[in-house]
């Protein structure tokens, strides 16, 4: 791949969003080192709703029902990380950027909507 940086923006931390982020991270660690990934989600954790019944009877499983989105980006707290989590509500989508609550604009090359 060329040295061009590509920014992929994933809206929503659903199972589809988590899967997309994981696949993109794998690509960025391999042949696509210029890939930057941003996940925009209003919550800090994913709640595994379908696991509630099992969680009621299995304490070890109950501890796994809340999945932190930060775990997706193991290195997101390091300086110069290419990937990041934005905990904010999406307000608008434009051709080349989105806007979240508070007015922050986040540009993208590719947009994945996984709400």
N, C-alpha and C. Protein backbone atom coordinates (compact mmCIF):
# COMPACT_ATOMS: atom_id res chain seq x y z
N UNK A 1 0.84 -1.18 0.00
CA UNK A 1 0.00 0.00 0.00
C UNK A 1 0.88 1.24 0.00
N UNK A 2 0.40 2.28 -0.59
CA UNK A 2 1.15 3.54 -0.62
C UNK A 2 1.19 4.15 0.78
N UNK A 3 1.98 5.19 0.95
CA UNK A 3 2.12 5.83 2.24
C UNK A 3 0.95 6.71 2.60
N UNK A 4 -0.07 6.74 1.78
CA UNK A 4 -1.23 7.60 2.03
C UNK A 4 -1.97 7.14 3.28
N UNK A 5 -2.30 8.10 4.13
CA UNK A 5 -3.06 7.80 5.33
C UNK A 5 -4.55 7.75 4.97
N UNK A 6 -5.25 6.73 5.45
CA UNK A 6 -6.68 6.57 5.20
C UNK A 6 -7.38 6.55 6.55
N UNK A 7 -8.38 7.42 6.70
CA UNK A 7 -9.13 7.51 7.96
C UNK A 7 -10.49 6.86 7.78
N UNK A 8 -10.73 5.78 8.56
CA UNK A 8 -12.02 5.10 8.54
C UNK A 8 -12.73 5.45 9.84
N UNK A 9 -13.94 5.93 9.70
CA UNK A 9 -14.75 6.33 10.84
C UNK A 9 -15.88 5.32 11.00
N UNK A 10 -16.00 4.73 12.19
CA UNK A 10 -17.05 3.76 12.48
C UNK A 10 -18.02 4.43 13.45
N UNK A 11 -19.28 4.52 13.03
CA UNK A 11 -20.33 5.09 13.88
C UNK A 11 -21.09 3.96 14.53
N UNK A 12 -21.04 3.88 15.84
CA UNK A 12 -21.80 2.88 16.58
C UNK A 12 -20.96 1.70 17.03
N UNK A 13 -21.11 1.36 18.29
CA UNK A 13 -20.37 0.25 18.87
C UNK A 13 -21.20 -1.00 19.01
N UNK A 14 -22.04 -1.28 18.03
CA UNK A 14 -22.80 -2.53 18.04
C UNK A 14 -21.85 -3.68 17.77
N UNK A 15 -22.37 -4.91 17.75
CA UNK A 15 -21.49 -6.05 17.40
C UNK A 15 -20.89 -5.82 16.02
N UNK A 16 -21.67 -5.27 15.11
CA UNK A 16 -21.14 -4.99 13.77
C UNK A 16 -20.03 -3.95 13.83
N UNK A 17 -20.20 -2.91 14.64
CA UNK A 17 -19.18 -1.89 14.79
C UNK A 17 -17.91 -2.43 15.42
N UNK A 18 -18.06 -3.25 16.47
CA UNK A 18 -16.91 -3.86 17.14
C UNK A 18 -16.16 -4.76 16.17
N UNK A 19 -16.90 -5.55 15.40
CA UNK A 19 -16.28 -6.45 14.42
C UNK A 19 -15.52 -5.65 13.36
N UNK A 20 -16.15 -4.58 12.87
CA UNK A 20 -15.48 -3.73 11.87
C UNK A 20 -14.19 -3.14 12.42
N UNK A 21 -14.24 -2.62 13.64
CA UNK A 21 -13.04 -2.03 14.25
C UNK A 21 -11.94 -3.08 14.40
N UNK A 22 -12.30 -4.27 14.89
CA UNK A 22 -11.30 -5.33 15.05
C UNK A 22 -10.66 -5.71 13.72
N UNK A 23 -11.46 -5.83 12.68
CA UNK A 23 -10.92 -6.18 11.37
C UNK A 23 -10.01 -5.07 10.83
N UNK A 24 -10.42 -3.83 11.03
CA UNK A 24 -9.61 -2.70 10.58
C UNK A 24 -8.29 -2.61 11.35
N UNK A 25 -8.34 -2.88 12.64
CA UNK A 25 -7.10 -2.88 13.43
C UNK A 25 -6.15 -3.96 12.93
N UNK A 26 -6.69 -5.13 12.63
CA UNK A 26 -5.84 -6.21 12.07
C UNK A 26 -5.21 -5.77 10.76
N UNK A 27 -5.98 -5.09 9.91
CA UNK A 27 -5.43 -4.60 8.64
C UNK A 27 -4.35 -3.54 8.88
N UNK A 28 -4.58 -2.68 9.88
CA UNK A 28 -3.61 -1.60 10.14
C UNK A 28 -2.30 -2.14 10.71
N UNK A 29 -2.36 -3.29 11.34
CA UNK A 29 -1.15 -3.92 11.88
C UNK A 29 -0.41 -4.72 10.82
N UNK A 30 -1.01 -4.85 9.64
CA UNK A 30 -0.39 -5.61 8.56
C UNK A 30 -0.04 -4.72 7.38
N UNK A 31 -0.65 -5.02 6.27
CA UNK A 31 -0.31 -4.36 5.00
C UNK A 31 -0.79 -2.91 4.93
N UNK A 32 -1.75 -2.51 5.74
CA UNK A 32 -2.33 -1.17 5.65
C UNK A 32 -1.92 -0.33 6.86
N UNK A 33 -0.65 -0.07 6.99
CA UNK A 33 -0.14 0.63 8.17
C UNK A 33 -0.59 2.10 8.22
N UNK A 34 -1.07 2.65 7.11
CA UNK A 34 -1.52 4.04 7.09
C UNK A 34 -2.97 4.21 7.48
N UNK A 35 -3.58 3.16 7.99
CA UNK A 35 -4.99 3.18 8.35
C UNK A 35 -5.17 3.80 9.73
N UNK A 36 -6.05 4.80 9.82
CA UNK A 36 -6.45 5.40 11.10
C UNK A 36 -7.90 5.05 11.33
N UNK A 37 -8.24 4.66 12.54
CA UNK A 37 -9.60 4.21 12.85
C UNK A 37 -10.14 5.04 14.01
N UNK A 38 -11.36 5.53 13.84
CA UNK A 38 -12.05 6.23 14.92
C UNK A 38 -13.42 5.59 15.11
N UNK A 39 -13.71 5.22 16.35
CA UNK A 39 -15.04 4.72 16.71
C UNK A 39 -15.77 5.83 17.44
N UNK A 40 -16.97 6.18 16.95
CA UNK A 40 -17.80 7.18 17.61
C UNK A 40 -19.00 6.45 18.22
N UNK A 41 -19.10 6.54 19.54
CA UNK A 41 -20.16 5.86 20.28
C UNK A 41 -20.48 6.71 21.50
N UNK A 42 -21.77 6.86 21.82
CA UNK A 42 -22.12 7.71 22.96
C UNK A 42 -21.80 7.07 24.30
N UNK A 43 -21.74 5.75 24.34
CA UNK A 43 -21.46 5.06 25.61
C UNK A 43 -20.00 4.63 25.68
N UNK A 44 -19.53 4.35 26.89
CA UNK A 44 -18.16 3.90 27.08
C UNK A 44 -18.04 2.38 27.04
N UNK A 45 -19.18 1.67 27.23
CA UNK A 45 -19.17 0.21 27.28
C UNK A 45 -20.31 -0.36 26.43
N UNK A 46 -20.07 -1.56 25.93
CA UNK A 46 -21.13 -2.31 25.25
C UNK A 46 -21.76 -3.23 26.28
N UNK A 47 -23.08 -3.26 26.35
CA UNK A 47 -23.80 -4.17 27.25
C UNK A 47 -24.34 -5.32 26.42
N UNK A 48 -23.91 -6.51 26.74
CA UNK A 48 -24.30 -7.72 26.02
C UNK A 48 -25.69 -8.15 26.50
N UNK A 49 -26.74 -7.62 25.86
CA UNK A 49 -28.12 -7.85 26.30
C UNK A 49 -28.54 -9.30 26.21
N UNK A 50 -28.11 -9.98 25.16
CA UNK A 50 -28.54 -11.38 24.99
C UNK A 50 -27.90 -12.30 26.02
N UNK A 51 -26.88 -11.83 26.72
CA UNK A 51 -26.23 -12.66 27.73
C UNK A 51 -26.80 -12.48 29.13
N UNK A 52 -27.84 -11.68 29.29
CA UNK A 52 -28.40 -11.39 30.60
C UNK A 52 -28.85 -12.66 31.32
N UNK A 53 -29.56 -13.52 30.64
CA UNK A 53 -30.09 -14.74 31.27
C UNK A 53 -28.94 -15.59 31.81
N UNK A 54 -27.93 -15.79 30.98
CA UNK A 54 -26.77 -16.58 31.43
C UNK A 54 -26.05 -15.86 32.57
N UNK A 55 -25.95 -14.55 32.49
CA UNK A 55 -25.28 -13.78 33.52
C UNK A 55 -25.95 -13.87 34.88
N UNK A 56 -27.26 -14.13 34.89
CA UNK A 56 -27.98 -14.28 36.15
C UNK A 56 -27.55 -15.51 36.93
N UNK A 57 -27.11 -16.54 36.23
CA UNK A 57 -26.75 -17.80 36.90
C UNK A 57 -25.24 -18.08 36.89
N UNK A 58 -24.48 -17.30 36.15
CA UNK A 58 -23.04 -17.54 36.04
C UNK A 58 -22.30 -16.23 36.28
N UNK A 59 -21.77 -16.05 37.49
CA UNK A 59 -21.11 -14.80 37.87
C UNK A 59 -19.93 -14.48 36.96
N UNK A 60 -19.16 -15.50 36.55
CA UNK A 60 -18.00 -15.25 35.68
C UNK A 60 -18.45 -14.67 34.35
N UNK A 61 -19.58 -15.15 33.84
CA UNK A 61 -20.10 -14.61 32.59
C UNK A 61 -20.67 -13.21 32.79
N UNK A 62 -21.28 -12.97 33.93
CA UNK A 62 -21.86 -11.65 34.21
C UNK A 62 -20.79 -10.57 34.14
N UNK A 63 -19.57 -10.89 34.58
CA UNK A 63 -18.48 -9.92 34.53
C UNK A 63 -18.08 -9.57 33.10
N UNK A 64 -18.42 -10.42 32.13
CA UNK A 64 -18.06 -10.19 30.73
C UNK A 64 -19.17 -9.48 29.95
N UNK A 65 -20.30 -9.20 30.60
CA UNK A 65 -21.43 -8.62 29.88
C UNK A 65 -21.22 -7.15 29.54
N UNK A 66 -20.35 -6.46 30.26
CA UNK A 66 -20.03 -5.07 29.96
C UNK A 66 -18.64 -5.04 29.33
N UNK A 67 -18.58 -4.66 28.07
CA UNK A 67 -17.32 -4.66 27.33
C UNK A 67 -16.91 -3.21 27.10
N UNK A 68 -15.74 -2.84 27.61
CA UNK A 68 -15.24 -1.48 27.44
C UNK A 68 -14.78 -1.28 26.00
N UNK A 69 -15.23 -0.20 25.38
CA UNK A 69 -14.78 0.10 24.02
C UNK A 69 -13.30 0.43 23.98
N UNK A 70 -12.76 0.93 25.10
CA UNK A 70 -11.33 1.25 25.14
C UNK A 70 -10.47 0.00 24.92
N UNK A 71 -11.00 -1.16 25.28
CA UNK A 71 -10.23 -2.40 25.09
C UNK A 71 -9.97 -2.67 23.61
N UNK A 72 -10.80 -2.12 22.73
CA UNK A 72 -10.59 -2.30 21.30
C UNK A 72 -9.28 -1.65 20.86
N UNK A 73 -8.98 -0.53 21.49
CA UNK A 73 -7.80 0.24 21.13
C UNK A 73 -6.77 0.10 22.25
N UNK A 74 -6.05 -0.97 22.25
CA UNK A 74 -5.09 -1.26 23.30
C UNK A 74 -4.12 -0.10 23.49
N UNK A 75 -3.73 0.54 22.38
CA UNK A 75 -2.75 1.61 22.45
C UNK A 75 -3.37 3.00 22.33
N UNK A 76 -4.68 3.13 22.53
CA UNK A 76 -5.32 4.43 22.26
C UNK A 76 -4.90 5.52 23.24
N UNK A 77 -4.34 5.17 24.38
CA UNK A 77 -3.91 6.19 25.34
C UNK A 77 -2.47 6.63 25.10
N UNK A 78 -1.79 5.98 24.17
CA UNK A 78 -0.41 6.33 23.90
C UNK A 78 -0.34 7.55 22.98
N UNK A 79 0.68 8.37 23.10
CA UNK A 79 0.82 9.51 22.20
C UNK A 79 0.95 9.04 20.75
N UNK A 80 0.42 9.79 19.84
CA UNK A 80 0.51 9.52 18.40
C UNK A 80 -0.20 8.24 17.97
N UNK A 81 -1.15 7.75 18.75
CA UNK A 81 -1.90 6.57 18.35
C UNK A 81 -2.73 6.90 17.11
N UNK A 82 -2.80 5.95 16.19
CA UNK A 82 -3.56 6.17 14.96
C UNK A 82 -5.05 5.94 15.17
N UNK A 83 -5.41 5.29 16.25
CA UNK A 83 -6.80 4.91 16.49
C UNK A 83 -7.32 5.60 17.75
N UNK A 84 -8.63 5.88 17.73
CA UNK A 84 -9.19 6.51 18.93
C UNK A 84 -10.67 6.23 19.08
N UNK A 85 -11.12 6.42 20.31
CA UNK A 85 -12.53 6.30 20.67
C UNK A 85 -13.04 7.69 20.99
N UNK A 86 -14.17 8.06 20.40
CA UNK A 86 -14.81 9.34 20.70
C UNK A 86 -16.17 9.01 21.33
N UNK A 87 -16.30 9.31 22.61
CA UNK A 87 -17.57 9.08 23.30
C UNK A 87 -18.41 10.34 23.18
N UNK A 88 -19.27 10.35 22.19
CA UNK A 88 -20.11 11.53 21.94
C UNK A 88 -21.29 11.11 21.07
N UNK A 89 -22.30 11.93 21.09
CA UNK A 89 -23.49 11.70 20.27
C UNK A 89 -23.30 12.35 18.90
N UNK A 90 -23.55 11.60 17.87
CA UNK A 90 -23.47 12.11 16.50
C UNK A 90 -24.62 13.08 16.26
N UNK A 91 -24.31 14.23 15.67
CA UNK A 91 -25.36 15.20 15.38
C UNK A 91 -25.62 15.37 13.89
N UNK A 92 -24.55 15.28 13.06
CA UNK A 92 -24.71 15.46 11.61
C UNK A 92 -23.66 14.69 10.84
N UNK A 93 -24.05 14.27 9.64
CA UNK A 93 -23.11 13.61 8.73
C UNK A 93 -23.04 14.44 7.45
N UNK A 94 -21.83 14.76 7.03
CA UNK A 94 -21.60 15.51 5.79
C UNK A 94 -20.80 14.61 4.85
N UNK A 95 -20.49 15.13 3.67
CA UNK A 95 -19.79 14.33 2.66
C UNK A 95 -18.43 13.82 3.12
N UNK A 96 -17.69 14.62 3.86
CA UNK A 96 -16.33 14.24 4.21
C UNK A 96 -16.01 14.36 5.70
N UNK A 97 -17.02 14.67 6.51
CA UNK A 97 -16.80 14.73 7.95
C UNK A 97 -18.13 14.57 8.68
N UNK A 98 -18.02 14.28 9.99
CA UNK A 98 -19.21 14.24 10.83
C UNK A 98 -19.06 15.31 11.90
N UNK A 99 -20.17 15.60 12.53
CA UNK A 99 -20.16 16.55 13.64
C UNK A 99 -20.79 15.84 14.84
N UNK A 100 -20.16 15.97 16.00
CA UNK A 100 -20.69 15.38 17.22
C UNK A 100 -21.10 16.48 18.18
N UNK A 101 -21.85 16.10 19.22
CA UNK A 101 -22.26 17.08 20.23
C UNK A 101 -21.04 17.83 20.74
N UNK A 102 -21.19 19.11 20.90
CA UNK A 102 -20.08 19.96 21.32
C UNK A 102 -19.42 20.63 20.13
N UNK A 103 -19.82 20.23 18.90
CA UNK A 103 -19.33 20.89 17.70
C UNK A 103 -18.07 20.31 17.08
N UNK A 104 -17.46 19.28 17.70
CA UNK A 104 -16.24 18.71 17.10
C UNK A 104 -16.56 18.12 15.74
N UNK A 105 -15.70 18.42 14.78
CA UNK A 105 -15.82 17.87 13.42
C UNK A 105 -14.73 16.82 13.24
N UNK A 106 -15.14 15.65 12.75
CA UNK A 106 -14.20 14.56 12.55
C UNK A 106 -14.21 14.18 11.07
N UNK A 107 -13.12 14.45 10.36
CA UNK A 107 -13.07 14.12 8.93
C UNK A 107 -12.88 12.62 8.73
N UNK A 108 -13.27 12.13 7.55
CA UNK A 108 -13.09 10.71 7.23
C UNK A 108 -12.91 10.53 5.73
N UNK A 109 -12.28 9.41 5.38
CA UNK A 109 -12.21 8.98 3.98
C UNK A 109 -13.31 7.97 3.70
N UNK A 110 -13.54 7.10 4.70
CA UNK A 110 -14.60 6.07 4.59
C UNK A 110 -15.41 6.08 5.87
N UNK A 111 -16.71 5.89 5.72
CA UNK A 111 -17.63 5.90 6.86
C UNK A 111 -18.38 4.57 6.93
N UNK A 112 -18.37 3.97 8.12
CA UNK A 112 -19.13 2.74 8.37
C UNK A 112 -20.19 3.09 9.40
N UNK A 113 -21.44 2.87 9.07
CA UNK A 113 -22.53 3.11 10.02
C UNK A 113 -22.98 1.77 10.56
N UNK A 114 -22.77 1.57 11.87
CA UNK A 114 -23.06 0.29 12.50
C UNK A 114 -23.82 0.52 13.81
N UNK A 115 -24.91 1.25 13.73
CA UNK A 115 -25.67 1.58 14.94
C UNK A 115 -26.59 0.45 15.34
